[in-house]
C-alpha atoms as a PDB file:
ATOM      1  CA  MET A   1       0.095  -0.092   0.120  1.00  0.00           C
ATOM      2  CA  LYS A   2       1.075   3.519  -0.821  1.00  0.00           C
ATOM      3  CA  ASP A   3      -0.196   7.309  -0.328  1.00  0.00           C
ATOM      4  CA  GLY A   4      -2.398   8.384  -3.181  1.00  0.00           C
ATOM      5  CA  LYS A   5      -2.450  12.069  -4.242  1.00  0.00           C
ATOM      6  CA  ASP A   6      -5.257  13.061  -2.185  1.00  0.00           C
ATOM      7  CA  GLY A   7      -4.159  11.085   1.025  1.00  0.00           C
ATOM      8  CA  ARG A   8      -6.148   8.115   0.693  1.00  0.00           C
ATOM      9  CA  ALA A   9      -4.332   4.605   0.600  1.00  0.00           C
ATOM     10  CA  ALA A  10      -3.606   3.355  -2.940  1.00  0.00           C
ATOM     11  CA  VAL A  11      -3.451  -0.344  -3.203  1.00  0.00           C
ATOM     12  CA  THR A  12      -1.310  -2.476  -6.055  1.00  0.00           C
ATOM     13  CA  PHE A  13      -2.114  -6.148  -6.618  1.00  0.00           C
ATOM     14  CA  GLU A  14      -0.067  -8.520  -8.474  1.00  0.00           C
ATOM     15  CA  PRO A  15      -1.725 -11.127 -10.761  1.00  0.00           C
ATOM     16  CA  ILE A  16      -0.840 -14.578  -9.574  1.00  0.00           C
ATOM     17  CA  GLY A  17      -2.398 -16.361 -12.980  1.00  0.00           C
ATOM     18  CA  VAL A  18      -4.527 -16.003 -16.205  1.00  0.00           C
ATOM     19  CA  VAL A  19      -7.607 -17.290 -17.310  1.00  0.00           C
ATOM     20  CA  ARG A  20      -7.455 -19.257 -20.411  1.00  0.00           C
ATOM     21  CA  SER A  21     -11.360 -19.433 -21.667  1.00  0.00           C
ATOM     22  CA  PRO A  22     -13.232 -19.432 -24.815  1.00  0.00           C
ATOM     23  CA  PHE A  23     -14.978 -16.383 -24.338  1.00  0.00           C
ATOM     24  CA  VAL A  24     -12.540 -14.333 -26.239  1.00  0.00           C
ATOM     25  CA  GLU A  25     -14.743 -10.873 -27.079  1.00  0.00           C
ATOM     26  CA  LYS A  26     -17.029  -9.397 -24.285  1.00  0.00           C
ATOM     27  CA  ALA A  27     -19.887 -10.350 -26.303  1.00  0.00           C
ATOM     28  CA  ASP A  28     -19.078 -13.780 -26.219  1.00  0.00           C
ATOM     29  CA  ALA A  29     -19.219 -14.098 -22.765  1.00  0.00           C
ATOM     30  CA  PRO A  30     -22.347 -15.048 -20.461  1.00  0.00           C
ATOM     31  CA  ARG A  31     -23.685 -12.757 -18.109  1.00  0.00           C
ATOM     32  CA  GLN A  32     -23.508 -14.810 -15.336  1.00  0.00           C
ATOM     33  CA  ALA A  33     -21.633 -18.382 -15.126  1.00  0.00           C
ATOM     34  CA  GLN A  34     -24.630 -20.665 -14.149  1.00  0.00           C
ATOM     35  CA  THR A  35     -26.661 -19.209 -17.844  1.00  0.00           C
ATOM     36  CA  GLN A  36     -27.260 -21.630 -20.587  1.00  0.00           C
ATOM     37  CA  ALA A  37     -24.319 -19.735 -22.448  1.00  0.00           C
ATOM     38  CA  GLY A  38     -21.815 -20.457 -19.355  1.00  0.00           C
ATOM     39  CA  ALA A  39     -22.809 -23.797 -17.807  1.00  0.00           C
ATOM     40  CA  GLY A  40     -20.548 -26.744 -19.051  1.00  0.00           C
ATOM     41  CA  VAL A  41     -17.832 -24.403 -20.298  1.00  0.00           C
ATOM     42  CA  GLU A  42     -14.566 -25.452 -19.486  1.00  0.00           C
ATOM     43  CA  ALA A  43     -11.066 -23.196 -19.012  1.00  0.00           C
ATOM     44  CA  THR A  44      -8.050 -23.265 -17.329  1.00  0.00           C
ATOM     45  CA  ILE A  45      -6.521 -20.744 -14.764  1.00  0.00           C
ATOM     46  CA  GLU A  46      -2.528 -20.608 -15.278  1.00  0.00           C
ATOM     47  CA  LEU A  47      -0.665 -19.886 -12.318  1.00  0.00           C
ATOM     48  CA  PHE A  48       2.505 -18.106 -12.718  1.00  0.00           C
ATOM     49  CA  SER A  49       5.515 -20.125 -11.653  1.00  0.00           C
ATOM     50  CA  GLY A  50       8.293 -18.352  -9.679  1.00  0.00           C
ATOM     51  CA  ARG A  51       5.441 -17.438  -7.023  1.00  0.00           C
ATOM     52  CA  ASP A  52       5.941 -20.555  -4.745  1.00  0.00           C
ATOM     53  CA  LEU A  53       2.232 -21.478  -5.740  1.00  0.00           C
ATOM     54  CA  GLU A  54       2.787 -24.932  -6.259  1.00  0.00           C
ATOM     55  CA  HIS A  55       2.398 -25.515  -2.634  1.00  0.00           C
ATOM     56  CA  ALA A  56      -0.266 -22.774  -2.440  1.00  0.00           C
ATOM     57  CA  VAL A  57      -2.641 -25.226  -4.200  1.00  0.00           C
ATOM     58  CA  GLU A  58      -1.973 -28.234  -1.971  1.00  0.00           C
ATOM     59  CA  ASP A  59      -5.423 -29.071  -0.955  1.00  0.00           C
ATOM     60  CA  LEU A  60      -7.167 -27.150  -3.637  1.00  0.00           C
ATOM     61  CA  ALA A  61      -8.646 -30.087  -5.139  1.00  0.00           C
ATOM     62  CA  THR A  62     -10.462 -31.271  -2.258  1.00  0.00           C
ATOM     63  CA  TRP A  63     -13.128 -28.444  -2.846  1.00  0.00           C
ATOM     64  CA  ASP A  64     -16.058 -29.039  -5.354  1.00  0.00           C
ATOM     65  CA  ARG A  65     -15.891 -24.984  -6.082  1.00  0.00           C
ATOM     66  CA  LEU A  66     -14.136 -22.160  -6.115  1.00  0.00           C
ATOM     67  CA  TRP A  67     -14.363 -18.222  -5.879  1.00  0.00           C
ATOM     68  CA  VAL A  68     -12.241 -16.739  -8.555  1.00  0.00           C
ATOM     69  CA  ILE A  69     -11.135 -12.934  -8.322  1.00  0.00           C
ATOM     70  CA  PHE A  70     -10.129 -11.356 -11.454  1.00  0.00           C
ATOM     71  CA  VAL A  71      -9.834  -8.424 -13.400  1.00  0.00           C
ATOM     72  CA  PHE A  72     -12.142  -7.261 -16.179  1.00  0.00           C
ATOM     73  CA  HIS A  73      -9.191  -6.383 -18.442  1.00  0.00           C
ATOM     74  CA  GLN A  74     -11.211  -5.370 -21.103  1.00  0.00           C
ATOM     75  CA  ALA A  75     -13.361  -2.895 -19.386  1.00  0.00           C
ATOM     76  CA  GLU A  76     -12.264   0.943 -20.019  1.00  0.00           C
ATOM     77  CA  GLY A  77     -13.634   3.520 -17.627  1.00  0.00           C
ATOM     78  CA  TRP A  78     -16.855   3.523 -15.614  1.00  0.00           C
ATOM     79  CA  ARG A  79     -19.831   5.657 -14.678  1.00  0.00           C
ATOM     80  CA  PRO A  80     -21.786   6.147 -11.349  1.00  0.00           C
ATOM     81  CA  LYS A  81     -25.293   4.958 -13.278  1.00  0.00           C
ATOM     82  CA  VAL A  82     -25.637   2.065 -15.580  1.00  0.00           C
ATOM     83  CA  LEU A  83     -28.438   0.327 -17.575  1.00  0.00           C
ATOM     84  CA  PRO A  84     -28.108  -3.335 -16.903  1.00  0.00           C
ATOM     85  CA  PRO A  85     -30.271  -5.742 -19.599  1.00  0.00           C
ATOM     86  CA  ARG A  86     -32.377  -6.667 -16.754  1.00  0.00           C
ATOM     87  CA  SER A  87     -33.522  -3.108 -15.605  1.00  0.00           C
ATOM     88  CA  ASP A  88     -35.992  -0.731 -17.392  1.00  0.00           C
ATOM     89  CA  ARG A  89     -33.631   2.452 -16.018  1.00  0.00           C
ATOM     90  CA  ARG A  90     -30.478   3.284 -14.950  1.00  0.00           C
ATOM     91  CA  ARG A  91     -29.062   1.891 -11.548  1.00  0.00           C
ATOM     92  CA  GLY A  92     -26.317   2.706  -9.219  1.00  0.00           C
ATOM     93  CA  VAL A  93     -23.190   0.888 -10.610  1.00  0.00           C
ATOM     94  CA  LEU A  94     -22.322  -0.972  -7.012  1.00  0.00           C
ATOM     95  CA  ALA A  95     -25.916  -1.805  -7.445  1.00  0.00           C
ATOM     96  CA  THR A  96     -25.186  -4.031 -10.517  1.00  0.00           C
ATOM     97  CA  ARG A  97     -22.574  -6.678 -11.601  1.00  0.00           C
ATOM     98  CA  SER A  98     -21.506  -4.150 -14.396  1.00  0.00           C
ATOM     99  CA  PRO A  99     -17.766  -5.077 -15.306  1.00  0.00           C
ATOM    100  CA  HIS A 100     -17.506  -1.135 -15.595  1.00  0.00           C
ATOM    101  CA  ARG A 101     -16.943  -0.320 -11.816  1.00  0.00           C
ATOM    102  CA  PRO A 102     -14.450   2.026 -10.108  1.00  0.00           C
ATOM    103  CA  ASN A 103     -12.125  -0.759  -9.543  1.00  0.00           C
ATOM    104  CA  PRO A 104     -12.755  -3.226 -12.218  1.00  0.00           C
ATOM    105  CA  ILE A 105     -12.292  -6.252 -10.526  1.00  0.00           C
ATOM    106  CA  GLY A 106     -14.594  -9.515 -10.767  1.00  0.00           C
ATOM    107  CA  LEU A 107     -15.753 -12.379  -8.700  1.00  0.00           C
ATOM    108  CA  SER A 108     -16.988 -15.908 -10.097  1.00  0.00           C
ATOM    109  CA  ALA A 109     -18.093 -18.910  -8.552  1.00  0.00           C
ATOM    110  CA  VAL A 110     -16.697 -21.695 -10.933  1.00  0.00           C
ATOM    111  CA  ARG A 111     -16.901 -25.676 -10.459  1.00  0.00           C
ATOM    112  CA  LEU A 112     -13.456 -27.145  -9.896  1.00  0.00           C
ATOM    113  CA  VAL A 113     -12.531 -29.910 -12.384  1.00  0.00           C
ATOM    114  CA  GLY A 114      -8.986 -30.640 -11.224  1.00  0.00           C
ATOM    115  CA  VAL A 115      -5.801 -29.190 -10.238  1.00  0.00           C
ATOM    116  CA  GLU A 116      -2.813 -30.345 -12.507  1.00  0.00           C
ATOM    117  CA  GLY A 117       0.620 -28.622 -11.126  1.00  0.00           C
ATOM    118  CA  LEU A 118       0.124 -24.952 -11.710  1.00  0.00           C
ATOM    119  CA  ASN A 119      -3.231 -25.476 -13.750  1.00  0.00           C
ATOM    120  CA  VAL A 120      -6.359 -25.289 -12.468  1.00  0.00           C
ATOM    121  CA  ARG A 121      -9.204 -26.743 -14.528  1.00  0.00           C
ATOM    122  CA  VAL A 122     -12.807 -25.190 -14.000  1.00  0.00           C
ATOM    123  CA  ARG A 123     -16.077 -25.227 -15.563  1.00  0.00           C
ATOM    124  CA  ASP A 124     -18.999 -23.240 -15.689  1.00  0.00           C
ATOM    125  CA  LEU A 125     -17.249 -20.051 -16.504  1.00  0.00           C
ATOM    126  CA  ASP A 126     -18.156 -16.498 -17.484  1.00  0.00           C
ATOM    127  CA  ILE A 127     -14.823 -15.184 -17.557  1.00  0.00           C
ATOM    128  CA  LEU A 128     -12.966 -13.915 -20.585  1.00  0.00           C
ATOM    129  CA  ASP A 129      -9.702 -15.334 -21.855  1.00  0.00           C
ATOM    130  CA  GLY A 130      -6.391 -13.188 -20.788  1.00  0.00           C
ATOM    131  CA  SER A 131      -8.406 -12.077 -17.831  1.00  0.00           C
ATOM    132  CA  PRO A 132      -5.431 -11.476 -14.906  1.00  0.00           C
ATOM    133  CA  VAL A 133      -6.361 -13.630 -11.541  1.00  0.00           C
ATOM    134  CA  LEU A 134      -5.863 -11.840  -8.299  1.00  0.00           C
ATOM    135  CA  ASP A 135      -6.644 -14.976  -6.251  1.00  0.00           C
ATOM    136  CA  LEU A 136      -8.711 -18.207  -5.680  1.00  0.00           C
ATOM    137  CA  LYS A 137     -10.588 -18.967  -2.528  1.00  0.00           C
ATOM    138  CA  PRO A 138     -12.811 -21.950  -1.707  1.00  0.00           C
ATOM    139  CA  TYR A 139     -16.054 -21.705  -1.819  1.00  0.00           C
ATOM    140  CA  VAL A 140     -17.620 -22.876   1.631  1.00  0.00           C
ATOM    141  CA  PRO A 141     -21.503 -23.531   0.911  1.00  0.00           C
ATOM    142  CA  TYR A 142     -22.587 -22.936   4.581  1.00  0.00           C
ATOM    143  CA  ALA A 143     -20.878 -19.706   4.863  1.00  0.00           C
ATOM    144  CA  ASP A 144     -21.161 -18.435   1.030  1.00  0.00           C
ATOM    145  CA  ALA A 145     -24.679 -19.657   0.368  1.00  0.00           C
ATOM    146  CA  PHE A 146     -27.876 -17.541   1.415  1.00  0.00           C
ATOM    147  CA  PRO A 147     -30.915 -19.051  -0.506  1.00  0.00           C
ATOM    148  CA  ASP A 148     -33.270 -16.867   1.318  1.00  0.00           C
ATOM    149  CA  ALA A 149     -31.618 -13.625   0.600  1.00  0.00           C
ATOM    150  CA  GLY A 150     -33.590 -10.967  -1.077  1.00  0.00           C
ATOM    151  CA  SER A 151     -32.777  -9.960  -4.807  1.00  0.00           C
ATOM    152  CA  GLY A 152     -32.921  -6.392  -4.520  1.00  0.00           C
ATOM    153  CA  TRP A 153     -34.310  -4.191  -7.788  1.00  0.00           C
ATOM    154  CA  LEU A 154     -33.752  -7.636  -9.549  1.00  0.00           C
ATOM    155  CA  ASP A 155     -36.845  -8.982  -7.540  1.00  0.00           C
ATOM    156  CA  ALA A 156     -39.314  -6.550  -9.969  1.00  0.00           C
ATOM    157  CA  ALA A 157     -37.250  -7.073 -13.212  1.00  0.00           C
ATOM    158  CA  ARG A 158     -38.298  -8.879 -16.004  1.00  0.00           C
ATOM    159  CA  ASP A 159     -35.437 -11.383 -16.802  1.00  0.00           C
ATOM    160  CA  PRO A 160     -35.442 -12.283 -20.503  1.00  0.00           C
ATOM    161  CA  ILE A 161     -34.940 -16.227 -20.649  1.00  0.00           C
ATOM    162  CA  PRO A 162     -33.874 -18.344 -23.522  1.00  0.00           C
ATOM    163  CA  ASP A 163     -37.589 -19.472 -24.737  1.00  0.00           C
ATOM    164  CA  HIS A 164     -37.334 -19.015 -28.593  1.00  0.00           C
ATOM    165  CA  GLU A 165     -36.386 -21.408 -30.912  1.00  0.00           C
ATOM    166  CA  VAL A 166     -33.681 -20.354 -33.635  1.00  0.00           C
ATOM    167  CA  THR A 167     -33.819 -21.535 -36.974  1.00  0.00           C
ATOM    168  CA  TRP A 168     -32.016 -21.081 -39.824  1.00  0.00           C
ATOM    169  CA  SER A 169     -32.642 -20.280 -43.682  1.00  0.00           C
ATOM    170  CA  ASP A 170     -30.670 -22.210 -46.510  1.00  0.00           C
ATOM    171  CA  GLU A 171     -29.222 -19.116 -47.509  1.00  0.00           C
ATOM    172  CA  ALA A 172     -27.950 -18.215 -43.660  1.00  0.00           C
ATOM    173  CA  GLY A 173     -26.719 -21.780 -43.364  1.00  0.00           C
ATOM    174  CA  ALA A 174     -24.400 -21.678 -46.179  1.00  0.00           C
ATOM    175  CA  GLN A 175     -23.376 -18.049 -45.334  1.00  0.00           C
ATOM    176  CA  ARG A 176     -22.666 -19.346 -41.846  1.00  0.00           C
ATOM    177  CA  ALA A 177     -20.734 -22.464 -43.210  1.00  0.00           C
ATOM    178  CA  TRP A 178     -18.827 -20.154 -45.478  1.00  0.00           C
ATOM    179  CA  LEU A 179     -17.457 -18.128 -42.887  1.00  0.00           C
ATOM    180  CA  LEU A 180     -16.751 -20.981 -40.576  1.00  0.00           C
ATOM    181  CA  GLU A 181     -14.797 -22.484 -43.063  1.00  0.00           C
ATOM    182  CA  ARG A 182     -12.510 -18.985 -42.884  1.00  0.00           C
ATOM    183  CA  GLY A 183     -12.712 -19.612 -38.646  1.00  0.00           C
ATOM    184  CA  ILE A 184     -15.115 -17.037 -38.169  1.00  0.00           C
ATOM    185  CA  ASP A 185     -17.649 -18.839 -35.937  1.00  0.00           C
ATOM    186  CA  VAL A 186     -20.597 -16.282 -35.160  1.00  0.00           C
ATOM    187  CA  GLY A 187     -23.493 -18.953 -34.983  1.00  0.00           C
ATOM    188  CA  PRO A 188     -23.463 -19.586 -31.417  1.00  0.00           C
ATOM    189  CA  VAL A 189     -23.279 -16.026 -30.481  1.00  0.00           C
ATOM    190  CA  ILE A 190     -26.127 -15.740 -32.869  1.00  0.00           C
ATOM    191  CA  GLU A 191     -28.351 -18.180 -31.326  1.00  0.00           C
ATOM    192  CA  ARG A 192     -27.730 -17.376 -27.734  1.00  0.00           C
ATOM    193  CA  ALA A 193     -28.685 -13.696 -28.416  1.00  0.00           C
ATOM    194  CA  LEU A 194     -31.896 -14.709 -30.566  1.00  0.00           C
ATOM    195  CA  ALA A 195     -32.924 -17.390 -28.170  1.00  0.00           C
ATOM    196  CA  LEU A 196     -34.075 -14.823 -25.756  1.00  0.00           C
ATOM    197  CA  GLY A 197     -36.179 -13.100 -28.366  1.00  0.00           C
ATOM    198  CA  PRO A 198     -36.480 -10.078 -30.446  1.00  0.00           C
ATOM    199  CA  GLN A 199     -36.520  -7.236 -27.979  1.00  0.00           C
ATOM    200  CA  PRO A 200     -32.903  -5.002 -27.959  1.00  0.00           C
ATOM    201  CA  ASN A 201     -31.148  -4.163 -24.538  1.00  0.00           C
ATOM    202  CA  ALA A 202     -28.073  -3.031 -23.282  1.00  0.00           C
ATOM    203  CA  TYR A 203     -26.239  -6.593 -24.478  1.00  0.00           C
ATOM    204  CA  ARG A 204     -27.737  -7.198 -27.489  1.00  0.00           C
ATOM    205  CA  ARG A 205     -27.755  -4.564 -30.630  1.00  0.00           C
ATOM    206  CA  ILE A 206     -30.863  -5.306 -32.378  1.00  0.00           C
ATOM    207  CA  ARG A 207     -32.512  -2.753 -34.840  1.00  0.00           C
ATOM    208  CA  ARG A 208     -35.814  -2.497 -37.080  1.00  0.00           C
ATOM    209  CA  VAL A 209     -34.772  -3.349 -41.001  1.00  0.00           C
ATOM    210  CA  GLY A 210     -37.634  -3.302 -43.397  1.00  0.00           C
ATOM    211  CA  ASP A 211     -39.897  -6.180 -42.408  1.00  0.00           C
ATOM    212  CA  GLY A 212     -37.577  -7.723 -40.214  1.00  0.00           C
ATOM    213  CA  HIS A 213     -34.996  -7.206 -37.523  1.00  0.00           C
ATOM    214  CA  GLU A 214     -31.177  -7.017 -37.566  1.00  0.00           C
ATOM    215  CA  LEU A 215     -28.824  -8.030 -34.770  1.00  0.00           C
ATOM    216  CA  ALA A 216     -25.079  -6.852 -34.758  1.00  0.00           C
ATOM    217  CA  VAL A 217     -22.388  -9.461 -33.845  1.00  0.00           C
ATOM    218  CA  LYS A 218     -19.099  -7.945 -33.885  1.00  0.00           C
ATOM    219  CA  GLU A 219     -18.421  -6.845 -37.790  1.00  0.00           C
ATOM    220  CA  TRP A 220     -21.438  -9.039 -38.936  1.00  0.00           C
ATOM    221  CA  ARG A 221     -25.364  -8.398 -38.983  1.00  0.00           C
ATOM    222  CA  ALA A 222     -27.813 -11.337 -38.727  1.00  0.00           C
ATOM    223  CA  ARG A 223     -31.142 -10.540 -40.600  1.00  0.00           C
ATOM    224  CA  PHE A 224     -33.944 -12.427 -38.882  1.00  0.00           C
ATOM    225  CA  GLU A 225     -38.029 -12.721 -38.586  1.00  0.00           C
ATOM    226  CA  VAL A 226     -39.971 -13.650 -35.748  1.00  0.00           C
ATOM    227  CA  ALA A 227     -43.274 -15.651 -35.580  1.00  0.00           C
ATOM    228  CA  GLY A 228     -44.355 -16.299 -32.379  1.00  0.00           C
ATOM    229  CA  LYS A 229     -41.400 -18.127 -30.449  1.00  0.00           C
ATOM    230  CA  VAL A 230     -39.526 -18.941 -33.690  1.00  0.00           C
ATOM    231  CA  VAL A 231     -36.600 -16.704 -34.715  1.00  0.00           C
ATOM    232  CA  ARG A 232     -35.881 -17.405 -38.261  1.00  0.00           C
ATOM    233  CA  VAL A 233     -32.045 -16.098 -39.051  1.00  0.00           C
ATOM    234  CA  ARG A 234     -32.914 -15.053 -43.124  1.00  0.00           C
ATOM    235  CA  GLY A 235     -29.353 -14.196 -44.042  1.00  0.00           C
ATOM    236  CA  LEU A 236     -25.984 -12.666 -42.790  1.00  0.00           C
ATOM    237  CA  VAL A 237     -24.194  -9.507 -43.964  1.00  0.00           C
ATOM    238  CA  THR A 238     -21.549  -7.559 -43.299  1.00  0.00           C
ATOM    239  CA  GLY A 239     -21.396  -4.614 -41.043  1.00  0.00           C
ATOM    240  CA  TYR A 240     -19.310  -2.372 -43.321  1.00  0.00           C
ATOM    241  CA  ARG A 241     -20.736  -0.317 -45.910  1.00  0.00           C
ATOM    242  CA  PRO A 242     -19.793  -1.020 -49.788  1.00  0.00           C
ATOM    243  CA  ARG A 243     -17.851   2.389 -50.030  1.00  0.00           C
ATOM    244  CA  GLU A 244     -15.906   1.449 -46.497  1.00  0.00           C
ATOM    245  CA  LEU A 245     -14.912  -1.817 -48.453  1.00  0.00           C
ATOM    246  CA  ALA A 246     -13.856  -0.147 -51.904  1.00  0.00           C
ATOM    247  CA  LEU A 247     -11.956   2.718 -50.173  1.00  0.00           C
ATOM    248  CA  ASN A 248     -10.391   0.880 -47.084  1.00  0.00           C
ATOM    249  CA  ALA A 249      -7.259  -1.278 -48.444  1.00  0.00           C
ATOM    250  CA  ASP A 250      -6.827  -3.505 -44.764  1.00  0.00           C
ATOM    251  CA  GLU A 251      -6.335  -6.945 -45.303  1.00  0.00           C
ATOM    252  CA  ALA A 252      -8.436  -7.306 -42.375  1.00  0.00           C
ATOM    253  CA  LEU A 253     -11.458  -6.405 -44.609  1.00  0.00           C
ATOM    254  CA  ASP A 254     -10.772  -8.914 -47.424  1.00  0.00           C
ATOM    255  CA  VAL A 255     -13.100 -11.806 -45.922  1.00  0.00           C
ATOM    256  CA  HIS A 256     -15.661  -9.011 -45.868  1.00  0.00           C
ATOM    257  CA  ARG A 257     -15.121  -8.315 -49.661  1.00  0.00           C
ATOM    258  CA  ALA A 258     -14.947 -12.201 -50.412  1.00  0.00           C
ATOM    259  CA  PHE A 259     -18.309 -12.256 -48.401  1.00  0.00           C
ATOM    260  CA  VAL A 260     -19.791  -9.714 -50.312  1.00  0.00           C
ATOM    261  CA  ALA A 261     -18.737 -11.519 -53.809  1.00  0.00           C
ATOM    262  CA  ALA A 262     -19.904 -14.719 -52.944  1.00  0.00           C
ATOM    263  CA  PHE A 263     -23.502 -13.357 -51.360  1.00  0.00           C
ATOM    264  CA  PRO A 264     -24.485 -10.411 -52.922  1.00  0.00           C
ATOM    265  CA  ARG A 265     -26.727  -8.068 -51.330  1.00  0.00           C
ATOM    266  CA  THR A 266     -30.178  -8.144 -52.345  1.00  0.00           C
END
């Protein structure tokens, strides 16, 4: 600890490891580890060598669950009030689980799969790949679980649930396969988002387009229509305008140019 400029103590932490998970982008990660998207997902917490952590993990494998204290390394800045996806109005950030906090520290309860040297394998994860880990602590059921506790403003919130079936048209399926062959797998993200229905919120960029809707997933767009509880993906399009693709020579856009050539916009 050291004194800050305003006289208050400043605290510096040194990570003990890093998370290796399949969630690379912020849009990939589930909102909570136990949701449909996070349940069953496996990852590894790689602890750093040279810190005597080989002895620190002794007896860790005897526990079923762990608390992982980590850093939201992709969070930039923060605001006192935020709009959570389960709220119809802004809330104080300290009354939410937003990653954009005064100190971007995350806390997640995960299932322990095994300990292999300095590699701690876990399941049921909602943490981004590359997140610095500050500490691991055992989850103690009698001390950490309070099933009768209230849920604050969430008690009155309408939480979207994955109650929609997502289907793909033949064209959309062919476009999805074309992208997958080139290492771009937008299908799972689209299906998780649209299974919650067509309503936009802070975590899903959805807008009306003609007689249907459009979901933005990174640099791609999914055009879809809704009939009852069935969401049908009609087609995929690039998020770049034709002029941008024509004037920007960046090689990263080559796949978008090739996509447009293979599937001309209608």
